[in-house]
Amino acid sequence: MLLSADRVFRWKKIPLTAAGPSLSRLVWGTWRLLAQPDIRDPKPLAAFIDQCLHLGITSFDLADLYGGFGVEEVFGHGLQAWAGDRSAIQLVSKCGIRPVTSARPDNRVKHYDSSRDHILRSVTNSLRALHTEYLDLLLIHRPDPLMDADETAEALQEVMAKGWVRHVGVSNHSPRQFSLLQSRLPVPLATNQVEYSILHPNALEEGSFDQMQKLRRAPMLWSPLGGGALFTDPAYAALRAALATVGEKLGHADIGTTALAWALTHPSRPVAVVGTGQIDRLAGYRAALTGLERQDWFALLEAARGQPVA
């Protein structure tokens, strides 16, 4: 089925704000990197990074705590082996979650930390682990109920002034929490990275996407395929059938491509973080960038909810 020109999503980078940064529509997520033995060693990871770039995937999503605080170092070794043009890629990382782990023995209880000291320490550690001079985008990973908005904003401005970070944003923040931190910053929070998929469409209802459109900023999506449950849980058999029907009409290779197209159809122009280490699957996901026709999008929402929209 041909889509009208205004419904076609181009295979190009999307500026999260007018001031940047620009990320590829699909961002490769590193959360499960240590569980992917085929690509986690430096040389195969370097080759994988290169293959991603050939597909147009130039952006990579990390966080300080991924893999028990081990993913950034592993990815950094891959970047060293890749030895490509740093300006050709965009590195996104996050900080602010402090779990109980042997890697951080000072953490007696899991908590969130948006203090100046923690932000500066986390960014320093990330830069060292990744063997890079800067992050393209730093996100506060989770809302901190003890956040001092002035202190957090000053710390974010400080890491930008030092040249350690090019842009800043948040993850998993409500519109109210986003607005509070933005009110203290002279620069735009570039994005809010939120969970969003056909199984978890809460961002449609709780205001995050409305806020992103109001501010003309593009959200980032984590778990845009809904995790393994979409593919395996018997409760979603009817949804899988609906995805297959729509996907067959569009020539999609699998239901994951159709589910991803559903997520990318939103007019806030989201970019989606996907974590598969299979390069052929990533190549197939390019078909999702065309989005879905309006009635197909609503048909899938109806299948996911088990009832028509009110």
C-alpha atoms as a PDB file:
ATOM      1  CA  MET A   1       0.000   0.000   0.000  1.00  0.00           C
ATOM      2  CA  LEU A   2       1.440   3.397  -0.972  1.00  0.00           C
ATOM      3  CA  LEU A   3       1.375   6.097   1.665  1.00  0.00           C
ATOM      4  CA  SER A   4       0.899   9.776   0.960  1.00  0.00           C
ATOM      5  CA  ALA A   5       4.106  11.795   0.885  1.00  0.00           C
ATOM      6  CA  ASP A   6       3.441  13.446   4.232  1.00  0.00           C
ATOM      7  CA  ARG A   7       3.189  10.027   5.914  1.00  0.00           C
ATOM      8  CA  VAL A   8       6.568   8.762   4.747  1.00  0.00           C
ATOM      9  CA  PHE A   9       9.305   8.789   7.376  1.00  0.00           C
ATOM     10  CA  ARG A  10      12.672   9.309   5.730  1.00  0.00           C
ATOM     11  CA  TRP A  11      15.677   7.153   6.591  1.00  0.00           C
ATOM     12  CA  LYS A  12      17.617  10.075   8.029  1.00  0.00           C
ATOM     13  CA  LYS A  13      18.599  11.578  11.339  1.00  0.00           C
ATOM     14  CA  ILE A  14      15.965  13.439  13.348  1.00  0.00           C
ATOM     15  CA  PRO A  15      16.839  16.639  15.251  1.00  0.00           C
ATOM     16  CA  LEU A  16      15.494  16.184  18.766  1.00  0.00           C
ATOM     17  CA  THR A  17      15.299  19.975  19.047  1.00  0.00           C
ATOM     18  CA  ALA A  18      16.012  22.787  16.626  1.00  0.00           C
ATOM     19  CA  ALA A  19      19.405  23.112  18.354  1.00  0.00           C
ATOM     20  CA  GLY A  20      20.139  19.370  18.138  1.00  0.00           C
ATOM     21  CA  PRO A  21      21.286  16.750  18.616  1.00  0.00           C
ATOM     22  CA  SER A  22      20.255  14.787  15.536  1.00  0.00           C
ATOM     23  CA  LEU A  23      19.856  11.039  16.027  1.00  0.00           C
ATOM     24  CA  SER A  24      19.098   8.239  13.605  1.00  0.00           C
ATOM     25  CA  ARG A  25      15.427   7.153  13.639  1.00  0.00           C
ATOM     26  CA  LEU A  26      16.600   3.794  14.959  1.00  0.00           C
ATOM     27  CA  VAL A  27      19.096   3.894  17.822  1.00  0.00           C
ATOM     28  CA  TRP A  28      20.996   0.771  18.759  1.00  0.00           C
ATOM     29  CA  GLY A  29      20.526  -0.024  22.451  1.00  0.00           C
ATOM     30  CA  THR A  30      23.358  -1.629  24.443  1.00  0.00           C
ATOM     31  CA  TRP A  31      21.415  -2.767  27.508  1.00  0.00           C
ATOM     32  CA  ARG A  32      21.812  -6.478  26.655  1.00  0.00           C
ATOM     33  CA  LEU A  33      25.248  -6.216  25.032  1.00  0.00           C
ATOM     34  CA  LEU A  34      26.979  -8.454  27.579  1.00  0.00           C
ATOM     35  CA  ALA A  35      24.422 -11.194  26.883  1.00  0.00           C
ATOM     36  CA  GLN A  36      25.248 -11.204  23.153  1.00  0.00           C
ATOM     37  CA  PRO A  37      28.494 -13.222  22.856  1.00  0.00           C
ATOM     38  CA  ASP A  38      28.596 -12.985  19.062  1.00  0.00           C
ATOM     39  CA  ILE A  39      29.246  -9.235  19.146  1.00  0.00           C
ATOM     40  CA  ARG A  40      30.505  -8.271  22.605  1.00  0.00           C
ATOM     41  CA  ASP A  41      34.239  -8.749  21.955  1.00  0.00           C
ATOM     42  CA  PRO A  42      36.077  -5.750  20.488  1.00  0.00           C
ATOM     43  CA  LYS A  43      36.602  -6.922  16.899  1.00  0.00           C
ATOM     44  CA  PRO A  44      33.088  -8.302  16.231  1.00  0.00           C
ATOM     45  CA  LEU A  45      31.599  -5.302  18.039  1.00  0.00           C
ATOM     46  CA  ALA A  46      33.630  -2.954  15.837  1.00  0.00           C
ATOM     47  CA  ALA A  47      32.338  -4.789  12.771  1.00  0.00           C
ATOM     48  CA  PHE A  48      28.781  -4.546  14.119  1.00  0.00           C
ATOM     49  CA  ILE A  49      29.132  -0.792  14.679  1.00  0.00           C
ATOM     50  CA  ASP A  50      30.337  -0.437  11.102  1.00  0.00           C
ATOM     51  CA  GLN A  51      27.392  -2.483   9.816  1.00  0.00           C
ATOM     52  CA  CYS A  52      25.004  -0.283  11.798  1.00  0.00           C
ATOM     53  CA  LEU A  53      26.439   2.798  10.132  1.00  0.00           C
ATOM     54  CA  HIS A  54      25.983   1.248   6.701  1.00  0.00           C
ATOM     55  CA  LEU A  55      22.301   0.753   7.595  1.00  0.00           C
ATOM     56  CA  GLY A  56      21.990   4.399   8.643  1.00  0.00           C
ATOM     57  CA  ILE A  57      21.975   3.610  12.371  1.00  0.00           C
ATOM     58  CA  THR A  58      24.467   6.144  13.697  1.00  0.00           C
ATOM     59  CA  SER A  59      23.220   6.563  17.283  1.00  0.00           C
ATOM     60  CA  PHE A  60      23.992   4.298  20.254  1.00  0.00           C
ATOM     61  CA  ASP A  61      22.153   4.265  23.583  1.00  0.00           C
ATOM     62  CA  LEU A  62      24.061   3.470  26.784  1.00  0.00           C
ATOM     63  CA  ALA A  63      23.820   4.011  30.532  1.00  0.00           C
ATOM     64  CA  ASP A  64      26.394   3.944  33.279  1.00  0.00           C
ATOM     65  CA  LEU A  65      24.721   1.038  35.115  1.00  0.00           C
ATOM     66  CA  TYR A  66      24.011  -1.235  32.120  1.00  0.00           C
ATOM     67  CA  GLY A  67      25.539  -4.683  32.543  1.00  0.00           C
ATOM     68  CA  GLY A  68      26.363  -4.079  36.193  1.00  0.00           C
ATOM     69  CA  PHE A  69      28.327  -0.978  35.194  1.00  0.00           C
ATOM     70  CA  GLY A  70      30.187  -3.005  32.579  1.00  0.00           C
ATOM     71  CA  VAL A  71      28.570  -2.211  29.217  1.00  0.00           C
ATOM     72  CA  GLU A  72      30.206   1.166  28.651  1.00  0.00           C
ATOM     73  CA  GLU A  73      33.678  -0.299  29.046  1.00  0.00           C
ATOM     74  CA  VAL A  74      32.899  -3.162  26.654  1.00  0.00           C
ATOM     75  CA  PHE A  75      31.381  -0.781  24.123  1.00  0.00           C
ATOM     76  CA  GLY A  76      34.377   1.511  24.542  1.00  0.00           C
ATOM     77  CA  HIS A  77      36.725  -1.320  23.584  1.00  0.00           C
ATOM     78  CA  GLY A  78      34.556  -1.879  20.524  1.00  0.00           C
ATOM     79  CA  LEU A  79      34.835   1.799  19.608  1.00  0.00           C
ATOM     80  CA  GLN A  80      38.620   1.607  19.950  1.00  0.00           C
ATOM     81  CA  ALA A  81      38.726  -1.396  17.621  1.00  0.00           C
ATOM     82  CA  TRP A  82      36.368   0.376  15.212  1.00  0.00           C
ATOM     83  CA  ALA A  83      38.640   3.441  15.084  1.00  0.00           C
ATOM     84  CA  GLY A  84      36.222   5.307  12.839  1.00  0.00           C
ATOM     85  CA  ASP A  85      35.251   8.952  12.671  1.00  0.00           C
ATOM     86  CA  ARG A  86      33.854   9.889  16.102  1.00  0.00           C
ATOM     87  CA  SER A  87      31.809  12.712  14.562  1.00  0.00           C
ATOM     88  CA  ALA A  88      29.919  10.136  12.449  1.00  0.00           C
ATOM     89  CA  ILE A  89      28.233   8.594  15.488  1.00  0.00           C
ATOM     90  CA  GLN A  90      26.140   9.837  18.405  1.00  0.00           C
ATOM     91  CA  LEU A  91      26.676   8.459  21.893  1.00  0.00           C
ATOM     92  CA  VAL A  92      23.800   8.759  24.361  1.00  0.00           C
ATOM     93  CA  SER A  93      24.316   7.818  27.998  1.00  0.00           C
ATOM     94  CA  LYS A  94      22.399   8.109  31.254  1.00  0.00           C
ATOM     95  CA  CYS A  95      23.153   8.516  34.928  1.00  0.00           C
ATOM     96  CA  GLY A  96      21.303   8.818  38.205  1.00  0.00           C
ATOM     97  CA  ILE A  97      20.342   5.254  39.198  1.00  0.00           C
ATOM     98  CA  ARG A  98      22.439   3.855  42.042  1.00  0.00           C
ATOM     99  CA  PRO A  99      21.660   0.147  42.597  1.00  0.00           C
ATOM    100  CA  VAL A 100      23.095  -2.154  45.228  1.00  0.00           C
ATOM    101  CA  THR A 101      25.958  -3.940  43.471  1.00  0.00           C
ATOM    102  CA  SER A 102      29.490  -5.102  44.165  1.00  0.00           C
ATOM    103  CA  ALA A 103      30.615  -2.692  41.449  1.00  0.00           C
ATOM    104  CA  ARG A 104      29.451   0.209  43.646  1.00  0.00           C
ATOM    105  CA  PRO A 105      30.017  -0.934  47.273  1.00  0.00           C
ATOM    106  CA  ASP A 106      29.027   2.470  48.690  1.00  0.00           C
ATOM    107  CA  ASN A 107      25.406   1.928  47.613  1.00  0.00           C
ATOM    108  CA  ARG A 108      23.641   0.484  50.684  1.00  0.00           C
ATOM    109  CA  VAL A 109      20.161   0.769  49.152  1.00  0.00           C
ATOM    110  CA  LYS A 110      18.961   1.331  45.601  1.00  0.00           C
ATOM    111  CA  HIS A 111      18.309   5.020  45.129  1.00  0.00           C
ATOM    112  CA  TYR A 112      18.320   7.866  42.624  1.00  0.00           C
ATOM    113  CA  ASP A 113      20.907  10.629  42.657  1.00  0.00           C
ATOM    114  CA  SER A 114      20.755  13.823  40.602  1.00  0.00           C
ATOM    115  CA  SER A 115      23.291  15.707  42.723  1.00  0.00           C
ATOM    116  CA  ARG A 116      26.139  17.665  41.169  1.00  0.00           C
ATOM    117  CA  ASP A 117      28.805  15.338  42.540  1.00  0.00           C
ATOM    118  CA  HIS A 118      27.121  12.245  41.186  1.00  0.00           C
ATOM    119  CA  ILE A 119      26.483  13.725  37.735  1.00  0.00           C
ATOM    120  CA  LEU A 120      30.087  14.886  37.354  1.00  0.00           C
ATOM    121  CA  ARG A 121      31.478  11.610  38.654  1.00  0.00           C
ATOM    122  CA  SER A 122      29.215   9.537  36.386  1.00  0.00           C
ATOM    123  CA  VAL A 123      30.053  11.550  33.276  1.00  0.00           C
ATOM    124  CA  THR A 124      33.773  11.306  34.034  1.00  0.00           C
ATOM    125  CA  ASN A 125      33.472   7.529  34.398  1.00  0.00           C
ATOM    126  CA  SER A 126      31.466   7.224  31.173  1.00  0.00           C
ATOM    127  CA  LEU A 127      33.971   9.238  29.152  1.00  0.00           C
ATOM    128  CA  ARG A 128      36.828   7.141  30.477  1.00  0.00           C
ATOM    129  CA  ALA A 129      35.045   3.843  29.825  1.00  0.00           C
ATOM    130  CA  LEU A 130      33.989   4.847  26.313  1.00  0.00           C
ATOM    131  CA  HIS A 131      37.375   6.338  25.378  1.00  0.00           C
ATOM    132  CA  THR A 132      35.673   9.464  24.076  1.00  0.00           C
ATOM    133  CA  GLU A 133      36.069  13.146  24.822  1.00  0.00           C
ATOM    134  CA  TYR A 134      32.347  13.896  24.870  1.00  0.00           C
ATOM    135  CA  LEU A 135      28.840  12.486  24.979  1.00  0.00           C
ATOM    136  CA  ASP A 136      26.416  13.745  22.361  1.00  0.00           C
ATOM    137  CA  LEU A 137      23.542  13.454  24.832  1.00  0.00           C
ATOM    138  CA  LEU A 138      23.348  12.860  28.584  1.00  0.00           C
ATOM    139  CA  LEU A 139      20.034  11.855  30.172  1.00  0.00           C
ATOM    140  CA  ILE A 140      18.985  11.856  33.817  1.00  0.00           C
ATOM    141  CA  HIS A 141      17.892   8.224  33.916  1.00  0.00           C
ATOM    142  CA  ARG A 142      15.017   8.312  36.430  1.00  0.00           C
ATOM    143  CA  PRO A 143      13.191  11.051  38.343  1.00  0.00           C
ATOM    144  CA  ASP A 144      14.883  11.763  41.658  1.00  0.00           C
ATOM    145  CA  PRO A 145      12.334  12.652  44.374  1.00  0.00           C
ATOM    146  CA  LEU A 146      15.140  14.509  46.208  1.00  0.00           C
ATOM    147  CA  MET A 147      16.240  16.458  43.142  1.00  0.00           C
ATOM    148  CA  ASP A 148      17.299  20.021  43.830  1.00  0.00           C
ATOM    149  CA  ALA A 149      16.342  21.438  40.427  1.00  0.00           C
ATOM    150  CA  ASP A 150      18.807  24.345  40.704  1.00  0.00           C
ATOM    151  CA  GLU A 151      21.718  22.069  41.599  1.00  0.00           C
ATOM    152  CA  THR A 152      20.900  19.516  38.901  1.00  0.00           C
ATOM    153  CA  ALA A 153      20.521  22.206  36.252  1.00  0.00           C
ATOM    154  CA  GLU A 154      23.817  23.807  37.271  1.00  0.00           C
ATOM    155  CA  ALA A 155      25.577  20.430  37.060  1.00  0.00           C
ATOM    156  CA  LEU A 156      24.168  19.801  33.594  1.00  0.00           C
ATOM    157  CA  GLN A 157      25.327  23.233  32.481  1.00  0.00           C
ATOM    158  CA  GLU A 158      28.738  22.547  34.003  1.00  0.00           C
ATOM    159  CA  VAL A 159      29.341  19.317  32.076  1.00  0.00           C
ATOM    160  CA  MET A 160      28.273  21.116  28.912  1.00  0.00           C
ATOM    161  CA  ALA A 161      30.588  24.062  29.633  1.00  0.00           C
ATOM    162  CA  LYS A 162      33.484  21.644  30.173  1.00  0.00           C
ATOM    163  CA  GLY A 163      32.806  20.147  26.732  1.00  0.00           C
ATOM    164  CA  TRP A 164      32.059  16.732  28.237  1.00  0.00           C
ATOM    165  CA  VAL A 165      28.436  16.729  27.047  1.00  0.00           C
ATOM    166  CA  ARG A 166      26.912  18.366  23.971  1.00  0.00           C
ATOM    167  CA  HIS A 167      23.204  18.130  24.918  1.00  0.00           C
ATOM    168  CA  VAL A 168      21.165  17.074  27.949  1.00  0.00           C
ATOM    169  CA  GLY A 169      17.765  15.504  28.520  1.00  0.00           C
ATOM    170  CA  VAL A 170      15.854  13.127  30.752  1.00  0.00           C
ATOM    171  CA  SER A 171      14.420   9.629  30.748  1.00  0.00           C
ATOM    172  CA  ASN A 172      11.226   8.283  32.343  1.00  0.00           C
ATOM    173  CA  HIS A 173      10.161  11.728  33.591  1.00  0.00           C
ATOM    174  CA  SER A 174       6.547  12.857  33.785  1.00  0.00           C
ATOM    175  CA  PRO A 175       5.609  16.093  31.998  1.00  0.00           C
ATOM    176  CA  ARG A 176       5.538  17.842  35.375  1.00  0.00           C
ATOM    177  CA  GLN A 177       9.021  16.602  36.278  1.00  0.00           C
ATOM    178  CA  PHE A 178      10.333  17.517  32.827  1.00  0.00           C
ATOM    179  CA  SER A 179       8.920  21.037  33.155  1.00  0.00           C
ATOM    180  CA  LEU A 180      10.467  21.572  36.580  1.00  0.00           C
ATOM    181  CA  LEU A 181      14.007  20.825  35.414  1.00  0.00           C
ATOM    182  CA  GLN A 182      13.498  22.726  32.157  1.00  0.00           C
ATOM    183  CA  SER A 183      12.430  25.805  34.137  1.00  0.00           C
ATOM    184  CA  ARG A 184      15.955  26.000  35.599  1.00  0.00           C
ATOM    185  CA  LEU A 185      17.850  25.550  32.334  1.00  0.00           C
ATOM    186  CA  PRO A 186      18.703  28.151  29.676  1.00  0.00           C
ATOM    187  CA  VAL A 187      19.109  25.370  27.110  1.00  0.00           C
ATOM    188  CA  PRO A 188      16.404  22.925  25.970  1.00  0.00           C
ATOM    189  CA  LEU A 189      16.126  19.493  27.472  1.00  0.00           C
ATOM    190  CA  ALA A 190      16.595  17.628  24.215  1.00  0.00           C
ATOM    191  CA  THR A 191      14.256  14.719  24.857  1.00  0.00           C
ATOM    192  CA  ASN A 192      12.402  12.498  27.284  1.00  0.00           C
ATOM    193  CA  GLN A 193      13.214   8.829  26.729  1.00  0.00           C
ATOM    194  CA  VAL A 194      10.064   6.922  27.709  1.00  0.00           C
ATOM    195  CA  GLU A 195       8.758   3.390  27.525  1.00  0.00           C
ATOM    196  CA  TYR A 196       6.344   3.159  24.613  1.00  0.00           C
ATOM    197  CA  SER A 197       5.066   0.305  22.505  1.00  0.00           C
ATOM    198  CA  ILE A 198       1.795  -1.190  21.363  1.00  0.00           C
ATOM    199  CA  LEU A 199       1.791  -3.077  24.691  1.00  0.00           C
ATOM    200  CA  HIS A 200       2.673   0.019  26.744  1.00  0.00           C
ATOM    201  CA  PRO A 201       1.024   3.063  25.100  1.00  0.00           C
ATOM    202  CA  ASN A 202       0.816   5.130  28.299  1.00  0.00           C
ATOM    203  CA  ALA A 203       2.726   8.047  26.768  1.00  0.00           C
ATOM    204  CA  LEU A 204      -0.346   8.654  24.614  1.00  0.00           C
ATOM    205  CA  GLU A 205      -2.482   9.253  27.690  1.00  0.00           C
ATOM    206  CA  GLU A 206      -0.288  10.746  30.421  1.00  0.00           C
ATOM    207  CA  GLY A 207       0.890  13.764  28.479  1.00  0.00           C
ATOM    208  CA  SER A 208       4.495  13.008  27.543  1.00  0.00           C
ATOM    209  CA  PHE A 209       3.867  13.013  23.798  1.00  0.00           C
ATOM    210  CA  ASP A 210       1.609  16.056  24.078  1.00  0.00           C
ATOM    211  CA  GLN A 211       4.406  17.900  25.843  1.00  0.00           C
ATOM    212  CA  MET A 212       6.994  16.855  23.264  1.00  0.00           C
ATOM    213  CA  GLN A 213       4.784  18.134  20.449  1.00  0.00           C
ATOM    214  CA  LYS A 214       4.050  21.376  22.306  1.00  0.00           C
ATOM    215  CA  LEU A 215       7.782  22.007  22.741  1.00  0.00           C
ATOM    216  CA  ARG A 216       8.650  20.648  19.263  1.00  0.00           C
ATOM    217  CA  ARG A 217      10.990  18.037  20.686  1.00  0.00           C
ATOM    218  CA  ALA A 218      11.275  14.430  19.623  1.00  0.00           C
ATOM    219  CA  PRO A 219      10.931  11.718  22.281  1.00  0.00           C
ATOM    220  CA  MET A 220      13.110   8.638  22.478  1.00  0.00           C
ATOM    221  CA  LEU A 221      11.382   5.282  22.946  1.00  0.00           C
ATOM    222  CA  TRP A 222      12.728   2.387  24.961  1.00  0.00           C
ATOM    223  CA  SER A 223      11.314  -1.127  24.587  1.00  0.00           C
ATOM    224  CA  PRO A 224       9.363  -0.116  21.452  1.00  0.00           C
ATOM    225  CA  LEU A 225       8.689  -3.793  20.691  1.00  0.00           C
ATOM    226  CA  GLY A 226       7.198  -4.473  24.106  1.00  0.00           C
ATOM    227  CA  GLY A 227       9.880  -6.977  25.122  1.00  0.00           C
ATOM    228  CA  GLY A 228       9.617 -10.707  24.570  1.00  0.00           C
ATOM    229  CA  ALA A 229       6.001 -10.814  25.727  1.00  0.00           C
ATOM    230  CA  LEU A 230       4.752  -9.471  22.405  1.00  0.00           C
ATOM    231  CA  PHE A 231       6.190 -12.483  20.609  1.00  0.00           C
ATOM    232  CA  THR A 232       5.572 -15.249  23.151  1.00  0.00           C
ATOM    233  CA  ASP A 233       2.795 -14.466  25.641  1.00  0.00           C
ATOM    234  CA  PRO A 234      -0.422 -16.382  24.797  1.00  0.00           C
ATOM    235  CA  ALA A 235      -2.412 -13.365  26.018  1.00  0.00           C
ATOM    236  CA  TYR A 236      -1.300 -11.448  22.914  1.00  0.00           C
ATOM    237  CA  ALA A 237      -2.208 -14.059  20.305  1.00  0.00           C
ATOM    238  CA  ALA A 238      -4.959 -11.883  18.819  1.00  0.00           C
ATOM    239  CA  LEU A 239      -2.629  -8.898  18.652  1.00  0.00           C
ATOM    240  CA  ARG A 240       0.025 -10.987  16.909  1.00  0.00           C
ATOM    241  CA  ALA A 241      -2.549 -12.052  14.343  1.00  0.00           C
ATOM    242  CA  ALA A 242      -3.557  -8.428  13.752  1.00  0.00           C
ATOM    243  CA  LEU A 243       0.089  -7.399  13.395  1.00  0.00           C
ATOM    244  CA  ALA A 244       0.632 -10.202  10.888  1.00  0.00           C
ATOM    245  CA  THR A 245      -2.389  -9.109   8.839  1.00  0.00           C
ATOM    246  CA  VAL A 246      -1.243  -5.489   8.630  1.00  0.00           C
ATOM    247  CA  GLY A 247       2.357  -6.540   8.071  1.00  0.00           C
ATOM    248  CA  GLU A 248       1.461  -8.830   5.208  1.00  0.00           C
ATOM    249  CA  LYS A 249      -0.312  -5.972   3.443  1.00  0.00           C
ATOM    250  CA  LEU A 250       2.798  -3.805   3.810  1.00  0.00           C
ATOM    251  CA  GLY A 251       5.326  -6.521   2.986  1.00  0.00           C
ATOM    252  CA  HIS A 252       6.922  -6.574   6.426  1.00  0.00           C
ATOM    253  CA  ALA A 253       9.179  -9.503   7.195  1.00  0.00           C
ATOM    254  CA  ASP A 254       7.864 -10.062  10.733  1.00  0.00           C
ATOM    255  CA  ILE A 255       5.430  -8.737  13.314  1.00  0.00           C
ATOM    256  CA  GLY A 256       8.247  -6.899  15.079  1.00  0.00           C
ATOM    257  CA  THR A 257       8.652  -4.603  12.080  1.00  0.00           C
ATOM    258  CA  THR A 258       4.935  -3.820  12.125  1.00  0.00           C
ATOM    259  CA  ALA A 259       4.935  -3.195  15.883  1.00  0.00           C
ATOM    260  CA  LEU A 260       7.896  -0.860  15.447  1.00  0.00           C
ATOM    261  CA  ALA A 261       6.112   0.939  12.597  1.00  0.00           C
ATOM    262  CA  TRP A 262       3.125   1.417  14.921  1.00  0.00           C
ATOM    263  CA  ALA A 263       5.374   3.080  17.512  1.00  0.00           C
ATOM    264  CA  LEU A 264       7.119   5.303  14.968  1.00  0.00           C
ATOM    265  CA  THR A 265       3.876   6.561  13.428  1.00  0.00           C
ATOM    266  CA  HIS A 266       3.258   9.096  16.195  1.00  0.00           C
ATOM    267  CA  PRO A 267       3.578  12.704  14.928  1.00  0.00           C
ATOM    268  CA  SER A 268       5.991  13.659  17.727  1.00  0.00           C
ATOM    269  CA  ARG A 269       8.655  12.075  15.441  1.00  0.00           C
ATOM    270  CA  PRO A 270      10.050   9.613  17.985  1.00  0.00           C
ATOM    271  CA  VAL A 271      13.325   7.786  17.631  1.00  0.00           C
ATOM    272  CA  ALA A 272      13.288   4.172  18.779  1.00  0.00           C
ATOM    273  CA  VAL A 273      15.938   2.291  20.742  1.00  0.00           C
ATOM    274  CA  VAL A 274      16.246  -1.318  19.560  1.00  0.00           C
ATOM    275  CA  GLY A 275      18.651  -3.820  21.031  1.00  0.00           C
ATOM    276  CA  THR A 276      18.877  -6.795  18.703  1.00  0.00           C
ATOM    277  CA  GLY A 277      22.387  -7.916  17.872  1.00  0.00           C
ATOM    278  CA  GLN A 278      21.230  -9.503  14.601  1.00  0.00           C
ATOM    279  CA  ILE A 279      22.202  -7.180  11.788  1.00  0.00           C
ATOM    280  CA  ASP A 280      19.728  -8.753   9.346  1.00  0.00           C
ATOM    281  CA  ARG A 281      16.890  -7.991  11.741  1.00  0.00           C
ATOM    282  CA  LEU A 282      18.052  -4.389  12.053  1.00  0.00           C
ATOM    283  CA  ALA A 283      18.124  -4.178   8.262  1.00  0.00           C
ATOM    284  CA  GLY A 284      14.547  -5.439   8.153  1.00  0.00           C
ATOM    285  CA  TYR A 285      13.433  -2.807  10.628  1.00  0.00           C
ATOM    286  CA  ARG A 286      14.095  -0.119   8.006  1.00  0.00           C
ATOM    287  CA  ALA A 287      10.657  -0.964   6.597  1.00  0.00           C
ATOM    288  CA  ALA A 288       9.141   0.353   9.839  1.00  0.00           C
ATOM    289  CA  LEU A 289      10.227   3.895   9.046  1.00  0.00           C
ATOM    290  CA  THR A 290       7.312   4.411   6.668  1.00  0.00           C
ATOM    291  CA  GLY A 291       4.922   4.213   9.613  1.00  0.00           C
ATOM    292  CA  LEU A 292       1.337   3.040   9.268  1.00  0.00           C
ATOM    293  CA  GLU A 293      -1.803   4.333   7.611  1.00  0.00           C
ATOM    294  CA  ARG A 294      -4.184   5.836  10.181  1.00  0.00           C
ATOM    295  CA  GLN A 295      -6.852   3.105  10.119  1.00  0.00           C
ATOM    296  CA  ASP A 296      -4.249   0.342  10.377  1.00  0.00           C
ATOM    297  CA  TRP A 297      -2.745   2.136  13.379  1.00  0.00           C
ATOM    298  CA  PHE A 298      -6.145   2.281  15.096  1.00  0.00           C
ATOM    299  CA  ALA A 299      -6.930  -1.326  14.162  1.00  0.00           C
ATOM    300  CA  LEU A 300      -3.781  -2.434  15.977  1.00  0.00           C
ATOM    301  CA  LEU A 301      -4.576  -0.242  18.978  1.00  0.00           C
ATOM    302  CA  GLU A 302      -7.999  -1.877  19.106  1.00  0.00           C
ATOM    303  CA  ALA A 303      -6.412  -5.344  18.936  1.00  0.00           C
ATOM    304  CA  ALA A 304      -4.017  -4.446  21.756  1.00  0.00           C
ATOM    305  CA  ARG A 305      -6.783  -3.094  23.996  1.00  0.00           C
ATOM    306  CA  GLY A 306      -9.331  -5.721  23.072  1.00  0.00           C
ATOM    307  CA  GLN A 307     -11.951  -3.085  22.325  1.00  0.00           C
ATOM    308  CA  PRO A 308     -12.569  -0.166  19.953  1.00  0.00           C
ATOM    309  CA  VAL A 309     -11.570   3.329  20.968  1.00  0.00           C
ATOM    310  CA  ALA A 310     -14.271   5.112  22.930  1.00  0.00           C
END
